Amino acid sequence: STQQPYIDIRHVSKRFGSTQALNDVSLAVHPGE
């Protein structure tokens, strides 16, 4: 609860040609998680 995430993914998108591999992905991973 009091920790900042070590990995902080904010609204990430990724395409390979016409394929939408990632679509507005957000995710937080905290230390030790």
All heavy atoms as atom14 arrays in JSON, in Angstrom:
{
  "sequence": "STQQPYIDIRHVSKRFGSTQALNDVSLAVHPGE",
  "atom14_mask": [
    [1, 1, 1, 1, 1, 1, 0, 0, 0, 0, 0, 0, 0, 0],
    [1, 1, 1, 1, 1, 1, 1, 0, 0, 0, 0, 0, 0, 0],
    [1, 1, 1, 1, 1, 1, 1, 1, 1, 0, 0, 0, 0, 0],
    [1, 1, 1, 1, 1, 1, 1, 1, 1, 0, 0, 0, 0, 0],
    [1, 1, 1, 1, 1, 1, 1, 0, 0, 0, 0, 0, 0, 0],
    [1, 1, 1, 1, 1, 1, 1, 1, 1, 1, 1, 1, 0, 0],
    [1, 1, 1, 1, 1, 1, 1, 1, 0, 0, 0, 0, 0, 0],
    [1, 1, 1, 1, 1, 1, 1, 1, 0, 0, 0, 0, 0, 0],
    [1, 1, 1, 1, 1, 1, 1, 1, 0, 0, 0, 0, 0, 0],
    [1, 1, 1, 1, 1, 1, 1, 1, 1, 1, 1, 0, 0, 0],
    [1, 1, 1, 1, 1, 1, 1, 1, 1, 1, 0, 0, 0, 0],
    [1, 1, 1, 1, 1, 1, 1, 0, 0, 0, 0, 0, 0, 0],
    [1, 1, 1, 1, 1, 1, 0, 0, 0, 0, 0, 0, 0, 0],
    [1, 1, 1, 1, 1, 1, 1, 1, 1, 0, 0, 0, 0, 0],
    [1, 1, 1, 1, 1, 1, 1, 1, 1, 1, 1, 0, 0, 0],
    [1, 1, 1, 1, 1, 1, 1, 1, 1, 1, 1, 0, 0, 0],
    [1, 1, 1, 1, 0, 0, 0, 0, 0, 0, 0, 0, 0, 0],
    [1, 1, 1, 1, 1, 1, 0, 0, 0, 0, 0, 0, 0, 0],
    [1, 1, 1, 1, 1, 1, 1, 0, 0, 0, 0, 0, 0, 0],
    [1, 1, 1, 1, 1, 1, 1, 1, 1, 0, 0, 0, 0, 0],
    [1, 1, 1, 1, 1, 0, 0, 0, 0, 0, 0, 0, 0, 0],
    [1, 1, 1, 1, 1, 1, 1, 1, 0, 0, 0, 0, 0, 0],
    [1, 1, 1, 1, 1, 1, 1, 1, 0, 0, 0, 0, 0, 0],
    [1, 1, 1, 1, 1, 1, 1, 1, 0, 0, 0, 0, 0, 0],
    [1, 1, 1, 1, 1, 1, 1, 0, 0, 0, 0, 0, 0, 0],
    [1, 1, 1, 1, 1, 1, 0, 0, 0, 0, 0, 0, 0, 0],
    [1, 1, 1, 1, 1, 1, 1, 1, 0, 0, 0, 0, 0, 0],
    [1, 1, 1, 1, 1, 0, 0, 0, 0, 0, 0, 0, 0, 0],
    [1, 1, 1, 1, 1, 1, 1, 0, 0, 0, 0, 0, 0, 0],
    [1, 1, 1, 1, 1, 1, 1, 1, 1, 1, 0, 0, 0, 0],
    [1, 1, 1, 1, 1, 1, 1, 0, 0, 0, 0, 0, 0, 0],
    [1, 1, 1, 1, 0, 0, 0, 0, 0, 0, 0, 0, 0, 0],
    [1, 1, 1, 1, 1, 1, 1, 1, 1, 0, 0, 0, 0, 0]
  ],
  "atom14_positions": [
    [[0.8, -1.22, 0.0], [0.0, 0.0, 0.0], [0.83, 1.27, 0.0], [0.42, 2.29, -0.55], [-0.95, -0.01, 1.21], [-0.21, -0.11, 2.41], [0.0, 0.0, 0.0], [0.0, 0.0, 0.0], [0.0, 0.0, 0.0], [0.0, 0.0, 0.0], [0.0, 0.0, 0.0], [0.0, 0.0, 0.0], [0.0, 0.0, 0.0], [0.0, 0.0, 0.0]],
    [[2.01, 1.24, 0.65], [2.81, 2.45, 0.76], [3.97, 2.48, -0.21], [4.78, 3.39, -0.18], [3.35, 2.61, 2.19], [4.18, 1.47, 2.5], [2.21, 2.68, 3.19], [0.0, 0.0, 0.0], [0.0, 0.0, 0.0], [0.0, 0.0, 0.0], [0.0, 0.0, 0.0], [0.0, 0.0, 0.0], [0.0, 0.0, 0.0], [0.0, 0.0, 0.0]],
    [[4.08, 1.47, -1.07], [5.21, 1.37, -1.98], [4.87, 1.91, -3.36], [3.75, 1.78, -3.84], [5.65, -0.1, -2.13], [6.24, -0.7, -0.86], [6.63, -2.15, -1.09], [5.91, -2.91, -1.71], [7.81, -2.51, -0.6], [0.0, 0.0, 0.0], [0.0, 0.0, 0.0], [0.0, 0.0, 0.0], [0.0, 0.0, 0.0], [0.0, 0.0, 0.0]],
    [[5.87, 2.5, -3.98], [5.76, 2.85, -5.39], [6.02, 1.6, -6.21], [6.85, 0.77, -5.84], [6.79, 3.93, -5.76], [6.54, 5.27, -5.12], [5.27, 5.91, -5.65], [4.97, 5.86, -6.83], [4.51, 6.52, -4.74], [0.0, 0.0, 0.0], [0.0, 0.0, 0.0], [0.0, 0.0, 0.0], [0.0, 0.0, 0.0], [0.0, 0.0, 0.0]],
    [[5.31, 1.41, -7.33], [5.58, 0.23, -8.15], [6.99, 0.29, -8.74], [7.49, 1.37, -9.06], [4.52, 0.31, -9.26], [4.08, 1.74, -9.27], [4.23, 2.25, -7.89], [0.0, 0.0, 0.0], [0.0, 0.0, 0.0], [0.0, 0.0, 0.0], [0.0, 0.0, 0.0], [0.0, 0.0, 0.0], [0.0, 0.0, 0.0], [0.0, 0.0, 0.0]],
    [[7.61, -0.88, -8.85], [8.91, -0.91, -9.55], [8.69, -0.92, -11.06], [9.37, -0.24, -11.8], [9.74, -2.12, -9.13], [11.05, -2.13, -9.9], [12.03, -1.19, -9.62], [11.27, -3.01, -10.95], [13.2, -1.14, -10.36], [12.43, -2.97, -11.69], [13.4, -2.03, -11.39], [14.55, -1.96, -12.13], [0.0, 0.0, 0.0], [0.0, 0.0, 0.0]],
    [[7.7, -1.71, -11.51], [7.32, -1.72, -12.93], [5.98, -1.02, -13.03], [5.01, -1.43, -12.4], [7.23, -3.15, -13.48], [8.57, -3.87, -13.37], [6.75, -3.14, -14.94], [8.49, -5.36, -13.7], [0.0, 0.0, 0.0], [0.0, 0.0, 0.0], [0.0, 0.0, 0.0], [0.0, 0.0, 0.0], [0.0, 0.0, 0.0], [0.0, 0.0, 0.0]],
    [[5.92, 0.05, -13.81], [4.7, 0.84, -13.94], [4.4, 1.02, -15.43], [5.07, 1.79, -16.12], [4.89, 2.2, -13.26], [3.58, 2.96, -13.1], [2.53, 2.43, -13.51], [3.61, 4.09, -12.56], [0.0, 0.0, 0.0], [0.0, 0.0, 0.0], [0.0, 0.0, 0.0], [0.0, 0.0, 0.0], [0.0, 0.0, 0.0], [0.0, 0.0, 0.0]],
    [[3.4, 0.28, -15.91], [3.03, 0.29, -17.33], [1.81, 1.17, -17.49], [0.78, 0.92, -16.85], [2.75, -1.15, -17.81], [3.98, -2.03, -17.59], [2.3, -1.17, -19.26], [3.69, -3.52, -17.69], [0.0, 0.0, 0.0], [0.0, 0.0, 0.0], [0.0, 0.0, 0.0], [0.0, 0.0, 0.0], [0.0, 0.0, 0.0], [0.0, 0.0, 0.0]],
    [[1.9, 2.19, -18.33], [0.82, 3.16, -18.45], [0.32, 3.27, -19.89], [1.04, 3.74, -20.77], [1.31, 4.54, -17.98], [1.87, 4.55, -16.56], [2.35, 5.94, -16.17], [2.99, 5.95, -14.85], [3.51, 7.03, -14.28], [3.47, 8.21, -14.92], [4.09, 6.95, -13.09], [0.0, 0.0, 0.0], [0.0, 0.0, 0.0], [0.0, 0.0, 0.0]],
    [[-0.85, 2.75, -20.13], [-1.57, 2.91, -21.41], [-0.69, 2.51, -22.61], [-0.57, 3.25, -23.59], [-2.05, 4.35, -21.56], [-2.91, 4.8, -20.43], [-4.19, 4.33, -20.23], [-2.66, 5.68, -19.41], [-4.71, 4.89, -19.16], [-3.81, 5.71, -18.63], [0.0, 0.0, 0.0], [0.0, 0.0, 0.0], [0.0, 0.0, 0.0], [0.0, 0.0, 0.0]],
    [[-0.1, 1.34, -22.53], [0.82, 0.87, -23.56], [0.06, 0.16, -24.68], [-0.79, -0.69, -24.43], [1.89, -0.06, -22.95], [2.62, -0.85, -24.04], [2.89, 0.76, -22.14], [0.0, 0.0, 0.0], [0.0, 0.0, 0.0], [0.0, 0.0, 0.0], [0.0, 0.0, 0.0], [0.0, 0.0, 0.0], [0.0, 0.0, 0.0], [0.0, 0.0, 0.0]],
    [[0.4, 0.51, -25.9], [-0.14, -0.16, -27.09], [1.0, -0.57, -28.0], [2.05, 0.09, -28.04], [-1.12, 0.74, -27.83], [-2.28, 1.0, -27.07], [0.0, 0.0, 0.0], [0.0, 0.0, 0.0], [0.0, 0.0, 0.0], [0.0, 0.0, 0.0], [0.0, 0.0, 0.0], [0.0, 0.0, 0.0], [0.0, 0.0, 0.0], [0.0, 0.0, 0.0]],
    [[0.79, -1.66, -28.73], [1.8, -2.18, -29.65], [1.11, -2.93, -30.78], [0.23, -3.76, -30.55], [2.75, -3.14, -28.9], [3.7, -3.92, -29.77], [4.75, -3.03, -30.4], [5.72, -3.84, -31.27], [6.72, -2.98, -31.93], [0.0, 0.0, 0.0], [0.0, 0.0, 0.0], [0.0, 0.0, 0.0], [0.0, 0.0, 0.0], [0.0, 0.0, 0.0]],
    [[1.52, -2.61, -32.0], [0.99, -3.29, -33.18], [2.1, -4.01, -33.92], [3.25, -3.57, -33.93], [0.34, -2.29, -34.15], [-0.86, -1.55, -33.61], [-1.48, -0.68, -34.7], [-2.12, -1.49, -35.72], [-3.41, -1.86, -35.69], [-4.18, -1.49, -34.68], [-3.92, -2.58, -36.65], [0.0, 0.0, 0.0], [0.0, 0.0, 0.0], [0.0, 0.0, 0.0]],
    [[1.74, -5.13, -34.53], [2.59, -5.81, -35.5], [1.82, -5.83, -36.81], [0.92, -6.67, -36.99], [2.93, -7.23, -35.05], [3.78, -7.3, -33.81], [3.22, -7.65, -32.59], [5.13, -7.02, -33.86], [3.99, -7.72, -31.44], [5.93, -7.08, -32.72], [5.35, -7.43, -31.51], [0.0, 0.0, 0.0], [0.0, 0.0, 0.0], [0.0, 0.0, 0.0]],
    [[2.1, -4.88, -37.7], [1.31, -4.77, -38.91], [-0.13, -4.43, -38.59], [-0.42, -3.46, -37.9], [0.0, 0.0, 0.0], [0.0, 0.0, 0.0], [0.0, 0.0, 0.0], [0.0, 0.0, 0.0], [0.0, 0.0, 0.0], [0.0, 0.0, 0.0], [0.0, 0.0, 0.0], [0.0, 0.0, 0.0], [0.0, 0.0, 0.0], [0.0, 0.0, 0.0]],
    [[-1.03, -5.29, -39.03], [-2.45, -5.06, -38.79], [-2.94, -5.67, -37.47], [-4.1, -5.52, -37.1], [-3.28, -5.64, -39.94], [-3.07, -7.04, -40.04], [0.0, 0.0, 0.0], [0.0, 0.0, 0.0], [0.0, 0.0, 0.0], [0.0, 0.0, 0.0], [0.0, 0.0, 0.0], [0.0, 0.0, 0.0], [0.0, 0.0, 0.0], [0.0, 0.0, 0.0]],
    [[-2.04, -6.34, -36.75], [-2.41, -7.02, -35.5], [-2.17, -6.11, -34.31], [-1.05, -5.61, -34.11], [-1.61, -8.31, -35.32], [-1.87, -9.19, -36.42], [-2.0, -9.01, -34.03], [0.0, 0.0, 0.0], [0.0, 0.0, 0.0], [0.0, 0.0, 0.0], [0.0, 0.0, 0.0], [0.0, 0.0, 0.0], [0.0, 0.0, 0.0], [0.0, 0.0, 0.0]],
    [[-3.19, -5.88, -33.53], [-3.07, -5.08, -32.3], [-2.65, -6.03, -31.18], [-3.47, -6.7, -30.55], [-4.4, -4.41, -31.96], [-4.33, -3.45, -30.79], [-3.69, -2.12, -31.16], [-4.07, -1.5, -32.15], [-2.72, -1.69, -30.37], [0.0, 0.0, 0.0], [0.0, 0.0, 0.0], [0.0, 0.0, 0.0], [0.0, 0.0, 0.0], [0.0, 0.0, 0.0]],
    [[-1.34, -6.09, -30.92], [-0.82, -7.03, -29.92], [-1.11, -6.58, -28.5], [-1.4, -7.39, -27.63], [0.69, -7.22, -30.12], [0.0, 0.0, 0.0], [0.0, 0.0, 0.0], [0.0, 0.0, 0.0], [0.0, 0.0, 0.0], [0.0, 0.0, 0.0], [0.0, 0.0, 0.0], [0.0, 0.0, 0.0], [0.0, 0.0, 0.0], [0.0, 0.0, 0.0]],
    [[-1.0, -5.26, -28.24], [-1.33, -4.69, -26.94], [-2.23, -3.49, -27.17], [-1.97, -2.67, -28.05], [-0.07, -4.26, -26.19], [0.93, -5.35, -25.8], [2.16, -4.74, -25.15], [0.28, -6.39, -24.88], [0.0, 0.0, 0.0], [0.0, 0.0, 0.0], [0.0, 0.0, 0.0], [0.0, 0.0, 0.0], [0.0, 0.0, 0.0], [0.0, 0.0, 0.0]],
    [[-3.26, -3.39, -26.36], [-4.26, -2.33, -26.55], [-4.51, -1.61, -25.23], [-5.27, -2.08, -24.39], [-5.55, -2.92, -27.1], [-6.58, -1.87, -27.44], [-6.28, -0.68, -27.5], [-7.82, -2.29, -27.66], [0.0, 0.0, 0.0], [0.0, 0.0, 0.0], [0.0, 0.0, 0.0], [0.0, 0.0, 0.0], [0.0, 0.0, 0.0], [0.0, 0.0, 0.0]],
    [[-3.81, -0.48, -25.03], [-4.03, 0.38, -23.87], [-3.88, -0.4, -22.55], [-4.76, -0.38, -21.68], [-5.42, 1.02, -23.93], [-5.58, 2.18, -22.96], [-4.57, 2.83, -22.65], [-6.71, 2.42, -22.5], [0.0, 0.0, 0.0], [0.0, 0.0, 0.0], [0.0, 0.0, 0.0], [0.0, 0.0, 0.0], [0.0, 0.0, 0.0], [0.0, 0.0, 0.0]],
    [[-2.73, -1.05, -22.41], [-2.47, -1.88, -21.23], [-1.83, -1.03, -20.13], [-0.84, -0.33, -20.37], [-1.55, -3.05, -21.58], [-1.09, -3.79, -20.31], [-2.26, -4.02, -22.52], [0.0, 0.0, 0.0], [0.0, 0.0, 0.0], [0.0, 0.0, 0.0], [0.0, 0.0, 0.0], [0.0, 0.0, 0.0], [0.0, 0.0, 0.0], [0.0, 0.0, 0.0]],
    [[-2.39, -1.1, -18.94], [-1.8, -0.47, -17.75], [-1.68, -1.53, -16.66], [-2.58, -2.35, -16.46], [-2.67, 0.69, -17.25], [-2.68, 1.75, -18.18], [0.0, 0.0, 0.0], [0.0, 0.0, 0.0], [0.0, 0.0, 0.0], [0.0, 0.0, 0.0], [0.0, 0.0, 0.0], [0.0, 0.0, 0.0], [0.0, 0.0, 0.0], [0.0, 0.0, 0.0]],
    [[-0.53, -1.51, -15.97], [-0.28, -2.52, -14.95], [0.83, -2.02, -14.03], [1.82, -1.46, -14.51], [0.15, -3.84, -15.6], [0.54, -4.99, -14.66], [-0.66, -5.45, -13.85], [1.13, -6.15, -15.47], [0.0, 0.0, 0.0], [0.0, 0.0, 0.0], [0.0, 0.0, 0.0], [0.0, 0.0, 0.0], [0.0, 0.0, 0.0], [0.0, 0.0, 0.0]],
    [[0.67, -2.21, -12.73], [1.69, -1.84, -11.75], [2.16, -3.1, -11.03], [1.35, -3.92, -10.6], [1.13, -0.84, -10.75], [0.0, 0.0, 0.0], [0.0, 0.0, 0.0], [0.0, 0.0, 0.0], [0.0, 0.0, 0.0], [0.0, 0.0, 0.0], [0.0, 0.0, 0.0], [0.0, 0.0, 0.0], [0.0, 0.0, 0.0], [0.0, 0.0, 0.0]],
    [[3.49, -3.24, -10.92], [4.1, -4.36, -10.21], [4.99, -3.77, -9.12], [5.95, -3.06, -9.41], [4.93, -5.25, -11.15], [5.52, -6.43, -10.39], [4.09, -5.73, -12.33], [0.0, 0.0, 0.0], [0.0, 0.0, 0.0], [0.0, 0.0, 0.0], [0.0, 0.0, 0.0], [0.0, 0.0, 0.0], [0.0, 0.0, 0.0], [0.0, 0.0, 0.0]],
    [[4.66, -4.07, -7.88], [5.38, -3.49, -6.75], [6.57, -4.34, -6.34], [6.63, -5.54, -6.65], [4.43, -3.32, -5.56], [3.34, -2.33, -5.8], [2.21, -2.64, -6.52], [3.21, -1.04, -5.44], [1.41, -1.58, -6.57], [2.01, -0.6, -5.93], [0.0, 0.0, 0.0], [0.0, 0.0, 0.0], [0.0, 0.0, 0.0], [0.0, 0.0, 0.0]],
    [[7.55, -3.76, -5.66], [8.71, -4.53, -5.19], [8.28, -5.73, -4.34], [7.45, -5.59, -3.44], [9.5, -3.51, -4.36], [9.13, -2.19, -4.94], [7.69, -2.31, -5.33], [0.0, 0.0, 0.0], [0.0, 0.0, 0.0], [0.0, 0.0, 0.0], [0.0, 0.0, 0.0], [0.0, 0.0, 0.0], [0.0, 0.0, 0.0], [0.0, 0.0, 0.0]],
    [[8.82, -6.89, -4.66], [8.49, -8.1, -3.94], [7.22, -8.79, -4.38], [6.88, -9.86, -3.88], [0.0, 0.0, 0.0], [0.0, 0.0, 0.0], [0.0, 0.0, 0.0], [0.0, 0.0, 0.0], [0.0, 0.0, 0.0], [0.0, 0.0, 0.0], [0.0, 0.0, 0.0], [0.0, 0.0, 0.0], [0.0, 0.0, 0.0], [0.0, 0.0, 0.0]],
    [[6.52, -8.21, -5.34], [5.25, -8.78, -5.81], [5.48, -9.78, -6.93], [6.37, -9.61, -7.77], [4.35, -7.66, -6.31], [2.92, -8.09, -6.61], [2.02, -6.94, -7.01], [2.53, -5.92, -7.51], [0.81, -7.06, -6.81], [0.0, 0.0, 0.0], [0.0, 0.0, 0.0], [0.0, 0.0, 0.0], [0.0, 0.0, 0.0], [0.0, 0.0, 0.0]]
  ]
}
